N, C-alpha and C. Protein backbone atom coordinates (compact mmCIF):
# COMPACT_ATOMS: atom_id res chain seq x y z
N MET A 1 11.60 11.53 9.48
CA MET A 1 12.48 11.01 8.45
C MET A 1 12.77 12.11 7.43
N ASP A 2 14.00 12.11 6.91
CA ASP A 2 14.31 13.07 5.86
C ASP A 2 13.95 12.48 4.49
N ASP A 3 14.12 13.27 3.44
CA ASP A 3 13.71 12.84 2.10
C ASP A 3 14.41 11.57 1.66
N SER A 4 15.67 11.47 1.97
CA SER A 4 16.45 10.29 1.60
C SER A 4 15.91 9.03 2.29
N GLU A 5 15.58 9.17 3.55
CA GLU A 5 15.03 8.04 4.30
C GLU A 5 13.63 7.66 3.78
N HIS A 6 12.84 8.66 3.40
CA HIS A 6 11.52 8.38 2.82
C HIS A 6 11.68 7.58 1.53
N TRP A 7 12.61 8.02 0.70
CA TRP A 7 12.87 7.34 -0.58
C TRP A 7 13.29 5.90 -0.33
N ASP A 8 14.27 5.70 0.55
CA ASP A 8 14.75 4.35 0.83
C ASP A 8 13.65 3.46 1.38
N ALA A 9 12.84 4.01 2.27
CA ALA A 9 11.74 3.24 2.85
C ALA A 9 10.71 2.88 1.78
N ALA A 10 10.35 3.84 0.94
CA ALA A 10 9.38 3.57 -0.12
C ALA A 10 9.89 2.50 -1.07
N LYS A 11 11.15 2.59 -1.44
CA LYS A 11 11.74 1.59 -2.34
C LYS A 11 11.72 0.20 -1.71
N GLU A 12 12.13 0.12 -0.45
CA GLU A 12 12.17 -1.17 0.23
C GLU A 12 10.77 -1.74 0.43
N LEU A 13 9.84 -0.90 0.85
CA LEU A 13 8.46 -1.37 1.07
C LEU A 13 7.82 -1.82 -0.23
N LEU A 14 8.05 -1.09 -1.32
CA LEU A 14 7.49 -1.49 -2.61
C LEU A 14 8.12 -2.79 -3.09
N THR A 15 9.41 -2.91 -2.97
CA THR A 15 10.09 -4.14 -3.39
C THR A 15 9.59 -5.33 -2.57
N ASN A 16 9.41 -5.14 -1.27
CA ASN A 16 8.89 -6.21 -0.42
C ASN A 16 7.45 -6.57 -0.78
N ALA A 17 6.64 -5.56 -1.05
CA ALA A 17 5.24 -5.82 -1.42
C ALA A 17 5.18 -6.58 -2.74
N LYS A 18 6.03 -6.20 -3.70
CA LYS A 18 6.08 -6.92 -4.97
C LYS A 18 6.48 -8.38 -4.75
N GLY A 19 7.45 -8.58 -3.87
CA GLY A 19 7.92 -9.94 -3.60
C GLY A 19 6.89 -10.80 -2.91
N SER A 20 6.03 -10.18 -2.10
CA SER A 20 5.04 -10.95 -1.35
C SER A 20 3.95 -11.53 -2.25
N ASP A 21 3.77 -10.95 -3.44
CA ASP A 21 2.77 -11.52 -4.35
C ASP A 21 3.43 -12.25 -5.52
N GLY A 22 4.74 -12.43 -5.44
CA GLY A 22 5.45 -13.18 -6.47
C GLY A 22 5.80 -12.37 -7.70
N THR A 23 5.71 -11.06 -7.63
CA THR A 23 5.96 -10.20 -8.79
C THR A 23 7.38 -9.67 -8.76
N GLU A 24 8.33 -10.52 -9.07
CA GLU A 24 9.73 -10.10 -9.19
C GLU A 24 10.16 -9.14 -8.09
N GLY A 25 10.01 -9.55 -6.85
CA GLY A 25 10.36 -8.70 -5.73
C GLY A 25 11.81 -8.30 -5.69
N ASP A 26 12.68 -9.07 -6.35
CA ASP A 26 14.10 -8.74 -6.33
C ASP A 26 14.47 -7.72 -7.41
N LYS A 27 13.55 -7.42 -8.33
CA LYS A 27 13.80 -6.44 -9.38
C LYS A 27 13.44 -5.05 -8.86
N ALA A 28 14.41 -4.14 -8.93
CA ALA A 28 14.18 -2.79 -8.42
C ALA A 28 13.14 -2.07 -9.28
N PRO A 29 12.17 -1.44 -8.64
CA PRO A 29 11.17 -0.67 -9.38
C PRO A 29 11.83 0.56 -10.02
N SER A 30 11.20 1.09 -11.05
CA SER A 30 11.74 2.28 -11.71
C SER A 30 11.63 3.49 -10.78
N THR A 31 12.42 4.48 -11.08
CA THR A 31 12.43 5.71 -10.28
C THR A 31 11.05 6.35 -10.25
N SER A 32 10.38 6.41 -11.38
CA SER A 32 9.06 7.06 -11.42
C SER A 32 8.03 6.29 -10.60
N ILE A 33 8.12 4.97 -10.61
CA ILE A 33 7.18 4.16 -9.82
C ILE A 33 7.46 4.36 -8.33
N ILE A 34 8.72 4.40 -7.95
CA ILE A 34 9.06 4.63 -6.54
C ILE A 34 8.56 6.00 -6.10
N LYS A 35 8.75 7.02 -6.93
CA LYS A 35 8.27 8.37 -6.59
C LYS A 35 6.76 8.37 -6.37
N GLN A 36 6.03 7.70 -7.26
CA GLN A 36 4.57 7.66 -7.13
C GLN A 36 4.17 6.89 -5.88
N PHE A 37 4.83 5.75 -5.63
CA PHE A 37 4.53 4.95 -4.45
C PHE A 37 4.83 5.74 -3.19
N GLU A 38 5.94 6.47 -3.17
CA GLU A 38 6.30 7.30 -2.03
C GLU A 38 5.23 8.35 -1.77
N ALA A 39 4.77 9.01 -2.82
CA ALA A 39 3.72 10.02 -2.68
C ALA A 39 2.42 9.40 -2.20
N ASP A 40 2.04 8.27 -2.79
CA ASP A 40 0.80 7.60 -2.40
C ASP A 40 0.88 7.09 -0.97
N LEU A 41 2.04 6.60 -0.58
CA LEU A 41 2.23 6.13 0.79
C LEU A 41 2.12 7.28 1.77
N GLY A 42 2.69 8.43 1.41
CA GLY A 42 2.58 9.62 2.25
C GLY A 42 1.14 10.05 2.43
N THR A 43 0.37 9.99 1.35
CA THR A 43 -1.06 10.33 1.42
C THR A 43 -1.79 9.37 2.34
N ALA A 44 -1.50 8.08 2.20
CA ALA A 44 -2.15 7.08 3.06
C ALA A 44 -1.80 7.31 4.52
N CYS A 45 -0.55 7.65 4.79
CA CYS A 45 -0.13 7.88 6.17
C CYS A 45 -0.72 9.18 6.72
N ASP A 46 -0.91 10.17 5.87
CA ASP A 46 -1.53 11.42 6.31
C ASP A 46 -2.99 11.21 6.72
N LYS A 47 -3.57 10.14 6.27
CA LYS A 47 -4.96 9.84 6.62
C LYS A 47 -5.06 9.16 7.97
N GLY A 48 -3.96 9.12 8.70
CA GLY A 48 -4.02 8.63 10.07
C GLY A 48 -3.42 7.25 10.30
N SER A 49 -2.78 6.69 9.30
CA SER A 49 -2.16 5.39 9.49
C SER A 49 -0.95 5.54 10.40
N SER A 50 -0.80 4.61 11.29
CA SER A 50 0.31 4.62 12.24
C SER A 50 1.59 4.15 11.58
N ASP A 51 2.74 4.70 12.00
CA ASP A 51 4.02 4.22 11.51
C ASP A 51 4.22 2.75 11.84
N ASP A 52 3.61 2.29 12.93
CA ASP A 52 3.72 0.89 13.31
C ASP A 52 3.08 -0.02 12.27
N LEU A 53 2.19 0.53 11.49
CA LEU A 53 1.49 -0.25 10.48
C LEU A 53 1.98 0.07 9.08
N LEU A 54 3.13 0.71 8.95
CA LEU A 54 3.61 1.18 7.66
C LEU A 54 3.74 0.05 6.64
N ALA A 55 4.29 -1.08 7.03
CA ALA A 55 4.43 -2.19 6.09
C ALA A 55 3.07 -2.70 5.64
N THR A 56 2.11 -2.74 6.54
CA THR A 56 0.75 -3.17 6.20
C THR A 56 0.11 -2.18 5.23
N VAL A 57 0.27 -0.89 5.51
CA VAL A 57 -0.26 0.14 4.62
C VAL A 57 0.39 0.02 3.25
N ALA A 58 1.69 -0.19 3.22
CA ALA A 58 2.41 -0.34 1.95
C ALA A 58 1.90 -1.55 1.18
N ASP A 59 1.71 -2.67 1.85
CA ASP A 59 1.19 -3.87 1.18
C ASP A 59 -0.21 -3.63 0.63
N ASP A 60 -1.05 -2.97 1.41
CA ASP A 60 -2.41 -2.67 0.96
C ASP A 60 -2.40 -1.71 -0.22
N LEU A 61 -1.53 -0.71 -0.16
CA LEU A 61 -1.42 0.25 -1.25
C LEU A 61 -0.96 -0.45 -2.52
N TYR A 62 0.04 -1.29 -2.40
CA TYR A 62 0.53 -2.04 -3.55
C TYR A 62 -0.58 -2.92 -4.13
N ALA A 63 -1.28 -3.63 -3.27
CA ALA A 63 -2.34 -4.53 -3.72
C ALA A 63 -3.47 -3.77 -4.40
N SER A 64 -3.70 -2.53 -4.00
CA SER A 64 -4.79 -1.74 -4.59
C SER A 64 -4.52 -1.36 -6.04
N ASN A 65 -3.24 -1.39 -6.45
CA ASN A 65 -2.90 -1.03 -7.83
C ASN A 65 -1.64 -1.78 -8.27
N ALA A 66 -1.64 -3.09 -8.06
CA ALA A 66 -0.47 -3.91 -8.34
C ALA A 66 -0.04 -3.84 -9.80
N ALA A 67 -0.98 -3.73 -10.71
CA ALA A 67 -0.62 -3.67 -12.13
C ALA A 67 0.28 -2.47 -12.42
N TYR A 68 -0.02 -1.33 -11.81
CA TYR A 68 0.79 -0.13 -12.01
C TYR A 68 2.13 -0.25 -11.27
N TYR A 69 2.09 -0.61 -10.01
CA TYR A 69 3.30 -0.64 -9.21
C TYR A 69 4.25 -1.76 -9.63
N SER A 70 3.80 -2.72 -10.42
CA SER A 70 4.63 -3.82 -10.87
C SER A 70 5.43 -3.47 -12.12
N LEU A 71 5.20 -2.30 -12.66
CA LEU A 71 5.91 -1.90 -13.88
C LEU A 71 7.40 -1.79 -13.63
């Protein structure tokens, strides 16, 4: 994936994760939060997470720090 696709995926995965816990999933996260989520998601994936499990990893990442990612 190129940088643009990474950004779009991070934004969509974060928005979906927010929606799954009832935290205004339809409200777009700020640019800085998306950048941090994208970086954190990349780190999690570098630790051996499969692309097939990307949504699960994203949900777990969001849940691990929902207070921050909900900003």
